[in-house]
Amino acid sequence: MSSYTLGYRQVRGPEKRRDKRLPLPIFTIRLNRRLCSTVNWSLGGLLISDFTGDLTADETVKVAIKAADDKSDFSMHVQARVIRHDPAKREVALKFEKMDSQIYDFFEHCFSRRFKRDS
């Protein structure tokens, strides 16, 4: 993995992810009736923080997603697989079960909307 803050030096060996992780925009996640935020996300999955509860690796969960600054209700509901759950850090890594055009369009819409507001 290359780190932008460390001058592109290898941090933990070669990157195994297919999709680049992005920290922004931040998404609000509803998982097991709990509200959480993304640490980072990609077209392959999410790393979320502030999760308290019990999850096990390889468990399939339903996730509701919306842009964190969006006042509307959750606009995307997806199935994801738990990759890891770290109760001490209160983080959960999730992998989307299936990447379809609806998920891609949702992320693209949120990403482009973020830059429209900044201009």
PDB file of N, CA and C in Angstrom:
ATOM      1  N   MET A   1       0.851  -1.167   0.000  1.00  0.00           N
ATOM      2  CA  MET A   1       0.000   0.000   0.000  1.00  0.00           C
ATOM      3  C   MET A   1       0.894   1.226   0.000  1.00  0.00           C
ATOM      4  N   SER A   2       0.661   2.136  -0.870  1.00  0.00           N
ATOM      5  CA  SER A   2       1.387   3.396  -0.890  1.00  0.00           C
ATOM      6  C   SER A   2       0.656   4.396  -0.024  1.00  0.00           C
ATOM      7  N   SER A   3       1.405   5.140   0.747  1.00  0.00           N
ATOM      8  CA  SER A   3       0.793   6.162   1.584  1.00  0.00           C
ATOM      9  C   SER A   3       1.158   7.528   1.037  1.00  0.00           C
ATOM     10  N   TYR A   4       0.151   8.354   0.785  1.00  0.00           N
ATOM     11  CA  TYR A   4       0.406   9.694   0.277  1.00  0.00           C
ATOM     12  C   TYR A   4       1.120  10.541   1.302  1.00  0.00           C
ATOM     13  N   THR A   5       0.894  10.284   2.574  1.00  0.00           N
ATOM     14  CA  THR A   5       1.513  11.100   3.612  1.00  0.00           C
ATOM     15  C   THR A   5       2.943  10.666   3.907  1.00  0.00           C
ATOM     16  N   LEU A   6       3.343   9.518   3.440  1.00  0.00           N
ATOM     17  CA  LEU A   6       4.698   9.031   3.701  1.00  0.00           C
ATOM     18  C   LEU A   6       5.550   9.001   2.436  1.00  0.00           C
ATOM     19  N   GLY A   7       5.206   9.829   1.476  1.00  0.00           N
ATOM     20  CA  GLY A   7       6.028   9.927   0.285  1.00  0.00           C
ATOM     21  C   GLY A   7       6.035   8.676  -0.566  1.00  0.00           C
ATOM     22  N   TYR A   8       4.939   8.002  -0.664  1.00  0.00           N
ATOM     23  CA  TYR A   8       4.769   6.833  -1.529  1.00  0.00           C
ATOM     24  C   TYR A   8       5.622   5.630  -1.133  1.00  0.00           C
ATOM     25  N   ARG A   9       6.076   5.540   0.102  1.00  0.00           N
ATOM     26  CA  ARG A   9       6.847   4.363   0.465  1.00  0.00           C
ATOM     27  C   ARG A   9       5.896   3.235   0.864  1.00  0.00           C
ATOM     28  N   GLN A  10       6.341   2.034   0.736  1.00  0.00           N
ATOM     29  CA  GLN A  10       5.526   0.874   1.081  1.00  0.00           C
ATOM     30  C   GLN A  10       5.304   0.832   2.586  1.00  0.00           C
ATOM     31  N   VAL A  11       4.056   0.685   3.004  1.00  0.00           N
ATOM     32  CA  VAL A  11       3.734   0.657   4.422  1.00  0.00           C
ATOM     33  C   VAL A  11       3.581  -0.780   4.904  1.00  0.00           C
ATOM     34  N   ARG A  12       2.756  -1.576   4.216  1.00  0.00           N
ATOM     35  CA  ARG A  12       2.504  -2.952   4.652  1.00  0.00           C
ATOM     36  C   ARG A  12       2.691  -3.947   3.524  1.00  0.00           C
ATOM     37  N   GLY A  13       3.495  -3.663   2.570  1.00  0.00           N
ATOM     38  CA  GLY A  13       3.669  -4.568   1.451  1.00  0.00           C
ATOM     39  C   GLY A  13       2.732  -4.187   0.313  1.00  0.00           C
ATOM     40  N   PRO A  14       2.655  -5.026  -0.709  1.00  0.00           N
ATOM     41  CA  PRO A  14       1.849  -4.695  -1.883  1.00  0.00           C
ATOM     42  C   PRO A  14       0.356  -4.624  -1.560  1.00  0.00           C
ATOM     43  N   GLU A  15      -0.311  -3.704  -2.212  1.00  0.00           N
ATOM     44  CA  GLU A  15      -1.763  -3.527  -2.042  1.00  0.00           C
ATOM     45  C   GLU A  15      -2.482  -4.722  -2.655  1.00  0.00           C
ATOM     46  N   LYS A  16      -3.402  -5.317  -1.907  1.00  0.00           N
ATOM     47  CA  LYS A  16      -4.145  -6.475  -2.392  1.00  0.00           C
ATOM     48  C   LYS A  16      -5.544  -6.100  -2.843  1.00  0.00           C
ATOM     49  N   ARG A  17      -5.942  -4.870  -2.580  1.00  0.00           N
ATOM     50  CA  ARG A  17      -7.289  -4.437  -2.948  1.00  0.00           C
ATOM     51  C   ARG A  17      -7.374  -4.141  -4.425  1.00  0.00           C
ATOM     52  N   ARG A  18      -8.514  -4.458  -4.993  1.00  0.00           N
ATOM     53  CA  ARG A  18      -8.764  -4.168  -6.400  1.00  0.00           C
ATOM     54  C   ARG A  18      -9.208  -2.724  -6.583  1.00  0.00           C
ATOM     55  N   ASP A  19      -9.898  -2.165  -5.584  1.00  0.00           N
ATOM     56  CA  ASP A  19     -10.467  -0.826  -5.690  1.00  0.00           C
ATOM     57  C   ASP A  19      -9.771   0.126  -4.725  1.00  0.00           C
ATOM     58  N   LYS A  20      -9.482   1.330  -5.200  1.00  0.00           N
ATOM     59  CA  LYS A  20      -8.822   2.357  -4.379  1.00  0.00           C
ATOM     60  C   LYS A  20      -9.777   2.858  -3.304  1.00  0.00           C
ATOM     61  N   ARG A  21      -9.267   2.986  -2.083  1.00  0.00           N
ATOM     62  CA  ARG A  21     -10.065   3.498  -0.975  1.00  0.00           C
ATOM     63  C   ARG A  21     -10.045   5.022  -0.977  1.00  0.00           C
ATOM     64  N   LEU A  22     -11.193   5.615  -0.674  1.00  0.00           N
ATOM     65  CA  LEU A  22     -11.332   7.068  -0.631  1.00  0.00           C
ATOM     66  C   LEU A  22     -11.903   7.486   0.720  1.00  0.00           C
ATOM     67  N   PRO A  23     -11.356   8.544   1.328  1.00  0.00           N
ATOM     68  CA  PRO A  23     -11.888   9.001   2.613  1.00  0.00           C
ATOM     69  C   PRO A  23     -13.118   9.900   2.461  1.00  0.00           C
ATOM     70  N   LEU A  24     -13.250  10.558   1.321  1.00  0.00           N
ATOM     71  CA  LEU A  24     -14.354  11.494   1.096  1.00  0.00           C
ATOM     72  C   LEU A  24     -15.124  11.136  -0.151  1.00  0.00           C
ATOM     73  N   PRO A  25     -16.381  11.414  -0.221  1.00  0.00           N
ATOM     74  CA  PRO A  25     -17.202  11.963   0.847  1.00  0.00           C
ATOM     75  C   PRO A  25     -17.439  10.935   1.947  1.00  0.00           C
ATOM     76  N   ILE A  26     -17.778  11.433   3.109  1.00  0.00           N
ATOM     77  CA  ILE A  26     -18.094  10.570   4.253  1.00  0.00           C
ATOM     78  C   ILE A  26     -19.555  10.153   4.130  1.00  0.00           C
ATOM     79  N   PHE A  27     -19.823   8.899   4.416  1.00  0.00           N
ATOM     80  CA  PHE A  27     -21.182   8.381   4.359  1.00  0.00           C
ATOM     81  C   PHE A  27     -21.660   8.005   5.751  1.00  0.00           C
ATOM     82  N   THR A  28     -22.951   8.188   5.983  1.00  0.00           N
ATOM     83  CA  THR A  28     -23.595   7.704   7.192  1.00  0.00           C
ATOM     84  C   THR A  28     -24.121   6.310   6.873  1.00  0.00           C
ATOM     85  N   ILE A  29     -23.857   5.387   7.757  1.00  0.00           N
ATOM     86  CA  ILE A  29     -24.232   3.987   7.569  1.00  0.00           C
ATOM     87  C   ILE A  29     -25.184   3.580   8.682  1.00  0.00           C
ATOM     88  N   ARG A  30     -26.223   2.846   8.311  1.00  0.00           N
ATOM     89  CA  ARG A  30     -27.068   2.221   9.324  1.00  0.00           C
ATOM     90  C   ARG A  30     -26.826   0.720   9.222  1.00  0.00           C
ATOM     91  N   LEU A  31     -26.318   0.157  10.311  1.00  0.00           N
ATOM     92  CA  LEU A  31     -25.981  -1.260  10.359  1.00  0.00           C
ATOM     93  C   LEU A  31     -26.521  -1.811  11.673  1.00  0.00           C
ATOM     94  N   ASN A  32     -27.390  -2.793  11.589  1.00  0.00           N
ATOM     95  CA  ASN A  32     -28.024  -3.376  12.785  1.00  0.00           C
ATOM     96  C   ASN A  32     -28.658  -2.299  13.671  1.00  0.00           C
ATOM     97  N   ARG A  33     -29.365  -1.378  13.042  1.00  0.00           N
ATOM     98  CA  ARG A  33     -30.084  -0.280  13.707  1.00  0.00           C
ATOM     99  C   ARG A  33     -29.156   0.714  14.409  1.00  0.00           C
ATOM    100  N   ARG A  34     -27.868   0.664  14.101  1.00  0.00           N
ATOM    101  CA  ARG A  34     -26.918   1.610  14.678  1.00  0.00           C
ATOM    102  C   ARG A  34     -26.404   2.526  13.575  1.00  0.00           C
ATOM    103  N   LEU A  35     -26.224   3.812  13.907  1.00  0.00           N
ATOM    104  CA  LEU A  35     -25.681   4.768  12.949  1.00  0.00           C
ATOM    105  C   LEU A  35     -24.168   4.851  13.109  1.00  0.00           C
ATOM    106  N   CYS A  36     -23.465   4.790  11.984  1.00  0.00           N
ATOM    107  CA  CYS A  36     -22.008   4.826  11.960  1.00  0.00           C
ATOM    108  C   CYS A  36     -21.573   5.744  10.819  1.00  0.00           C
ATOM    109  N   SER A  37     -20.268   5.981  10.728  1.00  0.00           N
ATOM    110  CA  SER A  37     -19.709   6.785   9.649  1.00  0.00           C
ATOM    111  C   SER A  37     -18.603   5.999   8.957  1.00  0.00           C
ATOM    112  N   THR A  38     -18.354   6.353   7.697  1.00  0.00           N
ATOM    113  CA  THR A  38     -17.268   5.687   6.983  1.00  0.00           C
ATOM    114  C   THR A  38     -15.926   6.311   7.358  1.00  0.00           C
ATOM    115  N   VAL A  39     -14.927   5.456   7.487  1.00  0.00           N
ATOM    116  CA  VAL A  39     -13.540   5.893   7.614  1.00  0.00           C
ATOM    117  C   VAL A  39     -13.011   6.077   6.196  1.00  0.00           C
ATOM    118  N   ASN A  40     -13.301   5.074   5.358  1.00  0.00           N
ATOM    119  CA  ASN A  40     -13.010   5.135   3.935  1.00  0.00           C
ATOM    120  C   ASN A  40     -13.941   4.170   3.223  1.00  0.00           C
ATOM    121  N   TRP A  41     -13.966   4.277   1.898  1.00  0.00           N
ATOM    122  CA  TRP A  41     -14.860   3.443   1.103  1.00  0.00           C
ATOM    123  C   TRP A  41     -14.241   3.232  -0.269  1.00  0.00           C
ATOM    124  N   SER A  42     -14.733   2.243  -0.959  1.00  0.00           N
ATOM    125  CA  SER A  42     -14.333   1.989  -2.339  1.00  0.00           C
ATOM    126  C   SER A  42     -15.517   1.348  -3.039  1.00  0.00           C
ATOM    127  N   LEU A  43     -15.356   1.070  -4.299  1.00  0.00           N
ATOM    128  CA  LEU A  43     -16.421   0.384  -5.026  1.00  0.00           C
ATOM    129  C   LEU A  43     -16.561  -1.059  -4.576  1.00  0.00           C
ATOM    130  N   GLY A  44     -15.622  -1.531  -3.755  1.00  0.00           N
ATOM    131  CA  GLY A  44     -15.678  -2.899  -3.254  1.00  0.00           C
ATOM    132  C   GLY A  44     -16.235  -3.042  -1.858  1.00  0.00           C
ATOM    133  N   GLY A  45     -16.234  -1.947  -1.084  1.00  0.00           N
ATOM    134  CA  GLY A  45     -16.722  -2.061   0.283  1.00  0.00           C
ATOM    135  C   GLY A  45     -16.498  -0.804   1.096  1.00  0.00           C
ATOM    136  N   LEU A  46     -16.657  -0.954   2.417  1.00  0.00           N
ATOM    137  CA  LEU A  46     -16.599   0.176   3.348  1.00  0.00           C
ATOM    138  C   LEU A  46     -15.817  -0.200   4.591  1.00  0.00           C
ATOM    139  N   LEU A  47     -15.147   0.788   5.176  1.00  0.00           N
ATOM    140  CA  LEU A  47     -14.625   0.652   6.529  1.00  0.00           C
ATOM    141  C   LEU A  47     -15.396   1.657   7.352  1.00  0.00           C
ATOM    142  N   ILE A  48     -16.122   1.167   8.362  1.00  0.00           N
ATOM    143  CA  ILE A  48     -16.953   2.064   9.156  1.00  0.00           C
ATOM    144  C   ILE A  48     -16.445   2.134  10.594  1.00  0.00           C
ATOM    145  N   SER A  49     -16.731   3.276  11.232  1.00  0.00           N
ATOM    146  CA  SER A  49     -16.314   3.486  12.617  1.00  0.00           C
ATOM    147  C   SER A  49     -17.547   3.698  13.488  1.00  0.00           C
ATOM    148  N   ASP A  50     -17.321   3.749  14.771  1.00  0.00           N
ATOM    149  CA  ASP A  50     -18.377   4.009  15.759  1.00  0.00           C
ATOM    150  C   ASP A  50     -19.409   2.886  15.837  1.00  0.00           C
ATOM    151  N   PHE A  51     -19.031   1.662  15.493  1.00  0.00           N
ATOM    152  CA  PHE A  51     -19.975   0.558  15.574  1.00  0.00           C
ATOM    153  C   PHE A  51     -19.808  -0.162  16.901  1.00  0.00           C
ATOM    154  N   THR A  52     -20.907  -0.304  17.601  1.00  0.00           N
ATOM    155  CA  THR A  52     -20.924  -1.125  18.808  1.00  0.00           C
ATOM    156  C   THR A  52     -21.940  -2.227  18.576  1.00  0.00           C
ATOM    157  N   GLY A  53     -21.562  -3.411  18.837  1.00  0.00           N
ATOM    158  CA  GLY A  53     -22.446  -4.543  18.619  1.00  0.00           C
ATOM    159  C   GLY A  53     -21.618  -5.775  18.290  1.00  0.00           C
ATOM    160  N   ASP A  54     -22.307  -6.848  17.994  1.00  0.00           N
ATOM    161  CA  ASP A  54     -21.636  -8.107  17.708  1.00  0.00           C
ATOM    162  C   ASP A  54     -21.788  -8.460  16.234  1.00  0.00           C
ATOM    163  N   LEU A  55     -20.674  -8.679  15.586  1.00  0.00           N
ATOM    164  CA  LEU A  55     -20.630  -9.172  14.213  1.00  0.00           C
ATOM    165  C   LEU A  55     -19.492 -10.172  14.121  1.00  0.00           C
ATOM    166  N   THR A  56     -19.632 -11.141  13.240  1.00  0.00           N
ATOM    167  CA  THR A  56     -18.569 -12.113  13.039  1.00  0.00           C
ATOM    168  C   THR A  56     -18.111 -12.061  11.586  1.00  0.00           C
ATOM    169  N   ALA A  57     -16.852 -12.378  11.387  1.00  0.00           N
ATOM    170  CA  ALA A  57     -16.297 -12.410  10.035  1.00  0.00           C
ATOM    171  C   ALA A  57     -17.100 -13.386   9.180  1.00  0.00           C
ATOM    172  N   ASP A  58     -17.320 -13.000   7.949  1.00  0.00           N
ATOM    173  CA  ASP A  58     -18.042 -13.772   6.936  1.00  0.00           C
ATOM    174  C   ASP A  58     -19.559 -13.707   7.086  1.00  0.00           C
ATOM    175  N   GLU A  59     -20.047 -12.992   8.070  1.00  0.00           N
ATOM    176  CA  GLU A  59     -21.494 -12.793   8.247  1.00  0.00           C
ATOM    177  C   GLU A  59     -22.005 -11.837   7.165  1.00  0.00           C
ATOM    178  N   THR A  60     -23.194 -12.100   6.637  1.00  0.00           N
ATOM    179  CA  THR A  60     -23.817 -11.215   5.665  1.00  0.00           C
ATOM    180  C   THR A  60     -24.773 -10.279   6.391  1.00  0.00           C
ATOM    181  N   VAL A  61     -24.674  -8.980   6.066  1.00  0.00           N
ATOM    182  CA  VAL A  61     -25.492  -7.965   6.726  1.00  0.00           C
ATOM    183  C   VAL A  61     -26.130  -7.057   5.683  1.00  0.00           C
ATOM    184  N   LYS A  62     -27.239  -6.424   6.064  1.00  0.00           N
ATOM    185  CA  LYS A  62     -27.876  -5.394   5.242  1.00  0.00           C
ATOM    186  C   LYS A  62     -27.407  -4.045   5.746  1.00  0.00           C
ATOM    187  N   VAL A  63     -27.009  -3.192   4.813  1.00  0.00           N
ATOM    188  CA  VAL A  63     -26.465  -1.883   5.146  1.00  0.00           C
ATOM    189  C   VAL A  63     -27.256  -0.812   4.411  1.00  0.00           C
ATOM    190  N   ALA A  64     -27.594   0.253   5.114  1.00  0.00           N
ATOM    191  CA  ALA A  64     -28.223   1.417   4.495  1.00  0.00           C
ATOM    192  C   ALA A  64     -27.178   2.530   4.455  1.00  0.00           C
ATOM    193  N   ILE A  65     -27.076   3.218   3.325  1.00  0.00           N
ATOM    194  CA  ILE A  65     -26.035   4.228   3.117  1.00  0.00           C
ATOM    195  C   ILE A  65     -26.655   5.528   2.630  1.00  0.00           C
ATOM    196  N   LYS A  66     -26.118   6.647   3.116  1.00  0.00           N
ATOM    197  CA  LYS A  66     -26.457   7.956   2.565  1.00  0.00           C
ATOM    198  C   LYS A  66     -25.265   8.877   2.768  1.00  0.00           C
ATOM    199  N   ALA A  67     -25.203   9.931   1.978  1.00  0.00           N
ATOM    200  CA  ALA A  67     -24.148  10.920   2.166  1.00  0.00           C
ATOM    201  C   ALA A  67     -24.340  11.543   3.539  1.00  0.00           C
ATOM    202  N   ALA A  68     -23.253  11.753   4.279  1.00  0.00           N
ATOM    203  CA  ALA A  68     -23.339  12.224   5.660  1.00  0.00           C
ATOM    204  C   ALA A  68     -24.031  13.579   5.771  1.00  0.00           C
ATOM    205  N   ASP A  69     -23.875  14.420   4.768  1.00  0.00           N
ATOM    206  CA  ASP A  69     -24.481  15.754   4.836  1.00  0.00           C
ATOM    207  C   ASP A  69     -25.853  15.819   4.179  1.00  0.00           C
ATOM    208  N   ASP A  70     -26.363  14.681   3.753  1.00  0.00           N
ATOM    209  CA  ASP A  70     -27.665  14.622   3.098  1.00  0.00           C
ATOM    210  C   ASP A  70     -28.763  14.589   4.165  1.00  0.00           C
ATOM    211  N   LYS A  71     -29.741  15.468   4.027  1.00  0.00           N
ATOM    212  CA  LYS A  71     -30.840  15.539   5.011  1.00  0.00           C
ATOM    213  C   LYS A  71     -31.936  14.510   4.728  1.00  0.00           C
ATOM    214  N   SER A  72     -31.916  13.926   3.547  1.00  0.00           N
ATOM    215  CA  SER A  72     -32.956  12.961   3.196  1.00  0.00           C
ATOM    216  C   SER A  72     -32.705  11.620   3.871  1.00  0.00           C
ATOM    217  N   ASP A  73     -33.649  10.704   3.688  1.00  0.00           N
ATOM    218  CA  ASP A  73     -33.539   9.374   4.269  1.00  0.00           C
ATOM    219  C   ASP A  73     -32.467   8.572   3.530  1.00  0.00           C
ATOM    220  N   PHE A  74     -32.140   7.404   4.037  1.00  0.00           N
ATOM    221  CA  PHE A  74     -31.145   6.547   3.412  1.00  0.00           C
ATOM    222  C   PHE A  74     -31.594   6.181   2.001  1.00  0.00           C
ATOM    223  N   SER A  75     -30.686   6.356   1.041  1.00  0.00           N
ATOM    224  CA  SER A  75     -31.086   6.157  -0.345  1.00  0.00           C
ATOM    225  C   SER A  75     -30.521   4.894  -0.975  1.00  0.00           C
ATOM    226  N   MET A  76     -29.650   4.184  -0.287  1.00  0.00           N
ATOM    227  CA  MET A  76     -29.073   2.966  -0.858  1.00  0.00           C
ATOM    228  C   MET A  76     -29.075   1.870   0.197  1.00  0.00           C
ATOM    229  N   HIS A  77     -29.555   0.716  -0.182  1.00  0.00           N
ATOM    230  CA  HIS A  77     -29.573  -0.454   0.702  1.00  0.00           C
ATOM    231  C   HIS A  77     -28.848  -1.578  -0.027  1.00  0.00           C
ATOM    232  N   VAL A  78     -27.821  -2.144   0.619  1.00  0.00           N
ATOM    233  CA  VAL A  78     -27.014  -3.180  -0.017  1.00  0.00           C
ATOM    234  C   VAL A  78     -26.722  -4.316   0.946  1.00  0.00           C
ATOM    235  N   GLN A  79     -26.408  -5.467   0.377  1.00  0.00           N
ATOM    236  CA  GLN A  79     -25.936  -6.617   1.135  1.00  0.00           C
ATOM    237  C   GLN A  79     -24.410  -6.536   1.169  1.00  0.00           C
ATOM    238  N   ALA A  80     -23.829  -6.812   2.317  1.00  0.00           N
ATOM    239  CA  ALA A  80     -22.373  -6.802   2.442  1.00  0.00           C
ATOM    240  C   ALA A  80     -21.934  -7.951   3.334  1.00  0.00           C
ATOM    241  N   ARG A  81     -20.690  -8.331   3.169  1.00  0.00           N
ATOM    242  CA  ARG A  81     -20.105  -9.400   3.983  1.00  0.00           C
ATOM    243  C   ARG A  81     -19.099  -8.771   4.944  1.00  0.00           C
ATOM    244  N   VAL A  82     -19.146  -9.194   6.202  1.00  0.00           N
ATOM    245  CA  VAL A  82     -18.207  -8.699   7.199  1.00  0.00           C
ATOM    246  C   VAL A  82     -16.844  -9.334   6.931  1.00  0.00           C
ATOM    247  N   ILE A  83     -15.847  -8.492   6.710  1.00  0.00           N
ATOM    248  CA  ILE A  83     -14.480  -8.963   6.509  1.00  0.00           C
ATOM    249  C   ILE A  83     -13.777  -9.057   7.860  1.00  0.00           C
ATOM    250  N   ARG A  84     -13.935  -8.020   8.673  1.00  0.00           N
ATOM    251  CA  ARG A  84     -13.396  -8.057  10.029  1.00  0.00           C
ATOM    252  C   ARG A  84     -14.159  -7.069  10.901  1.00  0.00           C
ATOM    253  N   HIS A  85     -14.189  -7.374  12.184  1.00  0.00           N
ATOM    254  CA  HIS A  85     -14.809  -6.499  13.179  1.00  0.00           C
ATOM    255  C   HIS A  85     -13.819  -6.345  14.308  1.00  0.00           C
ATOM    256  N   ASP A  86     -13.450  -5.099  14.598  1.00  0.00           N
ATOM    257  CA  ASP A  86     -12.507  -4.804  15.672  1.00  0.00           C
ATOM    258  C   ASP A  86     -13.253  -4.042  16.762  1.00  0.00           C
ATOM    259  N   PRO A  87     -13.790  -4.750  17.776  1.00  0.00           N
ATOM    260  CA  PRO A  87     -14.559  -4.092  18.830  1.00  0.00           C
ATOM    261  C   PRO A  87     -13.750  -3.038  19.599  1.00  0.00           C
ATOM    262  N   ALA A  88     -12.450  -3.249  19.768  1.00  0.00           N
ATOM    263  CA  ALA A  88     -11.627  -2.281  20.503  1.00  0.00           C
ATOM    264  C   ALA A  88     -11.568  -0.946  19.757  1.00  0.00           C
ATOM    265  N   LYS A  89     -11.443  -0.994  18.437  1.00  0.00           N
ATOM    266  CA  LYS A  89     -11.421   0.228  17.626  1.00  0.00           C
ATOM    267  C   LYS A  89     -12.817   0.677  17.217  1.00  0.00           C
ATOM    268  N   ARG A  90     -13.809  -0.196  17.446  1.00  0.00           N
ATOM    269  CA  ARG A  90     -15.195   0.045  17.023  1.00  0.00           C
ATOM    270  C   ARG A  90     -15.298   0.209  15.505  1.00  0.00           C
ATOM    271  N   GLU A  91     -14.517  -0.604  14.768  1.00  0.00           N
ATOM    272  CA  GLU A  91     -14.508  -0.564  13.305  1.00  0.00           C
ATOM    273  C   GLU A  91     -14.990  -1.886  12.724  1.00  0.00           C
ATOM    274  N   VAL A  92     -15.639  -1.769  11.561  1.00  0.00           N
ATOM    275  CA  VAL A  92     -16.099  -2.933  10.813  1.00  0.00           C
ATOM    276  C   VAL A  92     -15.723  -2.729   9.355  1.00  0.00           C
ATOM    277  N   ALA A  93     -15.064  -3.729   8.780  1.00  0.00           N
ATOM    278  CA  ALA A  93     -14.747  -3.711   7.353  1.00  0.00           C
ATOM    279  C   ALA A  93     -15.781  -4.575   6.647  1.00  0.00           C
ATOM    280  N   LEU A  94     -16.408  -4.013   5.611  1.00  0.00           N
ATOM    281  CA  LEU A  94     -17.453  -4.708   4.866  1.00  0.00           C
ATOM    282  C   LEU A  94     -17.092  -4.781   3.391  1.00  0.00           C
ATOM    283  N   LYS A  95     -17.446  -5.875   2.762  1.00  0.00           N
ATOM    284  CA  LYS A  95     -17.256  -6.056   1.319  1.00  0.00           C
ATOM    285  C   LYS A  95     -18.631  -6.220   0.694  1.00  0.00           C
ATOM    286  N   PHE A  96     -18.903  -5.453  -0.355  1.00  0.00           N
ATOM    287  CA  PHE A  96     -20.198  -5.580  -1.027  1.00  0.00           C
ATOM    288  C   PHE A  96     -20.323  -6.966  -1.628  1.00  0.00           C
ATOM    289  N   GLU A  97     -21.481  -7.569  -1.450  1.00  0.00           N
ATOM    290  CA  GLU A  97     -21.738  -8.899  -1.999  1.00  0.00           C
ATOM    291  C   GLU A  97     -21.756  -8.872  -3.521  1.00  0.00           C
ATOM    292  N   LYS A  98     -22.317  -7.799  -4.059  1.00  0.00           N
ATOM    293  CA  LYS A  98     -22.457  -7.710  -5.505  1.00  0.00           C
ATOM    294  C   LYS A  98     -22.345  -6.239  -5.887  1.00  0.00           C
ATOM    295  N   MET A  99     -21.483  -5.939  -6.827  1.00  0.00           N
ATOM    296  CA  MET A  99     -21.348  -4.559  -7.308  1.00  0.00           C
ATOM    297  C   MET A  99     -22.210  -4.424  -8.553  1.00  0.00           C
ATOM    298  N   ASP A 100     -23.257  -3.630  -8.432  1.00  0.00           N
ATOM    299  CA  ASP A 100     -24.106  -3.434  -9.601  1.00  0.00           C
ATOM    300  C   ASP A 100     -24.136  -1.954  -9.970  1.00  0.00           C
ATOM    301  N   SER A 101     -24.784  -1.641 -11.052  1.00  0.00           N
ATOM    302  CA  SER A 101     -24.795  -0.261 -11.549  1.00  0.00           C
ATOM    303  C   SER A 101     -25.476   0.688 -10.568  1.00  0.00           C
ATOM    304  N   GLN A 102     -26.410   0.203  -9.783  1.00  0.00           N
ATOM    305  CA  GLN A 102     -27.108   1.052  -8.814  1.00  0.00           C
ATOM    306  C   GLN A 102     -26.136   1.571  -7.739  1.00  0.00           C
ATOM    307  N   ILE A 103     -25.269   0.712  -7.228  1.00  0.00           N
ATOM    308  CA  ILE A 103     -24.285   1.123  -6.230  1.00  0.00           C
ATOM    309  C   ILE A 103     -23.288   2.091  -6.863  1.00  0.00           C
ATOM    310  N   TYR A 104     -22.804   1.741  -8.040  1.00  0.00           N
ATOM    311  CA  TYR A 104     -21.844   2.597  -8.733  1.00  0.00           C
ATOM    312  C   TYR A 104     -22.436   3.983  -8.984  1.00  0.00           C
ATOM    313  N   ASP A 105     -23.670   4.044  -9.468  1.00  0.00           N
ATOM    314  CA  ASP A 105     -24.332   5.324  -9.733  1.00  0.00           C
ATOM    315  C   ASP A 105     -24.518   6.142  -8.450  1.00  0.00           C
ATOM    316  N   PHE A 106     -24.844   5.470  -7.351  1.00  0.00           N
ATOM    317  CA  PHE A 106     -25.012   6.152  -6.073  1.00  0.00           C
ATOM    318  C   PHE A 106     -23.709   6.834  -5.643  1.00  0.00           C
ATOM    319  N   PHE A 107     -22.603   6.093  -5.664  1.00  0.00           N
ATOM    320  CA  PHE A 107     -21.320   6.668  -5.266  1.00  0.00           C
ATOM    321  C   PHE A 107     -20.895   7.787  -6.219  1.00  0.00           C
ATOM    322  N   GLU A 108     -21.081   7.581  -7.493  1.00  0.00           N
ATOM    323  CA  GLU A 108     -20.727   8.609  -8.472  1.00  0.00           C
ATOM    324  C   GLU A 108     -21.533   9.884  -8.242  1.00  0.00           C
ATOM    325  N   HIS A 109     -22.826   9.742  -7.969  1.00  0.00           N
ATOM    326  CA  HIS A 109     -23.688  10.892  -7.708  1.00  0.00           C
ATOM    327  C   HIS A 109     -23.220  11.652  -6.461  1.00  0.00           C
ATOM    328  N   CYS A 110     -22.948  10.935  -5.371  1.00  0.00           N
ATOM    329  CA  CYS A 110     -22.496  11.577  -4.132  1.00  0.00           C
ATOM    330  C   CYS A 110     -21.139  12.242  -4.319  1.00  0.00           C
ATOM    331  N   PHE A 111     -20.247  11.592  -5.046  1.00  0.00           N
ATOM    332  CA  PHE A 111     -18.912  12.123  -5.267  1.00  0.00           C
ATOM    333  C   PHE A 111     -18.973  13.393  -6.115  1.00  0.00           C
ATOM    334  N   SER A 112     -19.739  13.378  -7.188  1.00  0.00           N
ATOM    335  CA  SER A 112     -19.830  14.560  -8.059  1.00  0.00           C
ATOM    336  C   SER A 112     -20.571  15.700  -7.369  1.00  0.00           C
ATOM    337  N   ARG A 113     -21.571  15.390  -6.566  1.00  0.00           N
ATOM    338  CA  ARG A 113     -22.314  16.415  -5.840  1.00  0.00           C
ATOM    339  C   ARG A 113     -21.421  17.152  -4.845  1.00  0.00           C
ATOM    340  N   ARG A 114     -20.485  16.447  -4.251  1.00  0.00           N
ATOM    341  CA  ARG A 114     -19.559  17.060  -3.302  1.00  0.00           C
ATOM    342  C   ARG A 114     -18.745  18.161  -3.975  1.00  0.00           C
ATOM    343  N   PHE A 115     -18.297  17.930  -5.195  1.00  0.00           N
ATOM    344  CA  PHE A 115     -17.470  18.915  -5.892  1.00  0.00           C
ATOM    345  C   PHE A 115     -18.290  20.050  -6.469  1.00  0.00           C
ATOM    346  N   LYS A 116     -19.541  19.813  -6.769  1.00  0.00           N
ATOM    347  CA  LYS A 116     -20.407  20.886  -7.270  1.00  0.00           C
ATOM    348  C   LYS A 116     -20.632  21.933  -6.189  1.00  0.00           C
ATOM    349  N   ARG A 117     -20.767  21.510  -4.921  1.00  0.00           N
ATOM    350  CA  ARG A 117     -20.982  22.446  -3.813  1.00  0.00           C
ATOM    351  C   ARG A 117     -19.741  23.285  -3.544  1.00  0.00           C
ATOM    352  N   ASP A 118     -18.547  22.704  -3.753  1.00  0.00           N
ATOM    353  CA  ASP A 118     -17.303  23.398  -3.439  1.00  0.00           C
ATOM    354  C   ASP A 118     -16.933  24.435  -4.501  1.00  0.00           C
ATOM    355  N   SER A 119     -17.538  24.387  -5.672  1.00  0.00           N
ATOM    356  CA  SER A 119     -17.140  25.322  -6.713  1.00  0.00           C
ATOM    357  C   SER A 119     -17.943  26.595  -6.692  1.00  0.00           C
TER     358      SER A 119
END
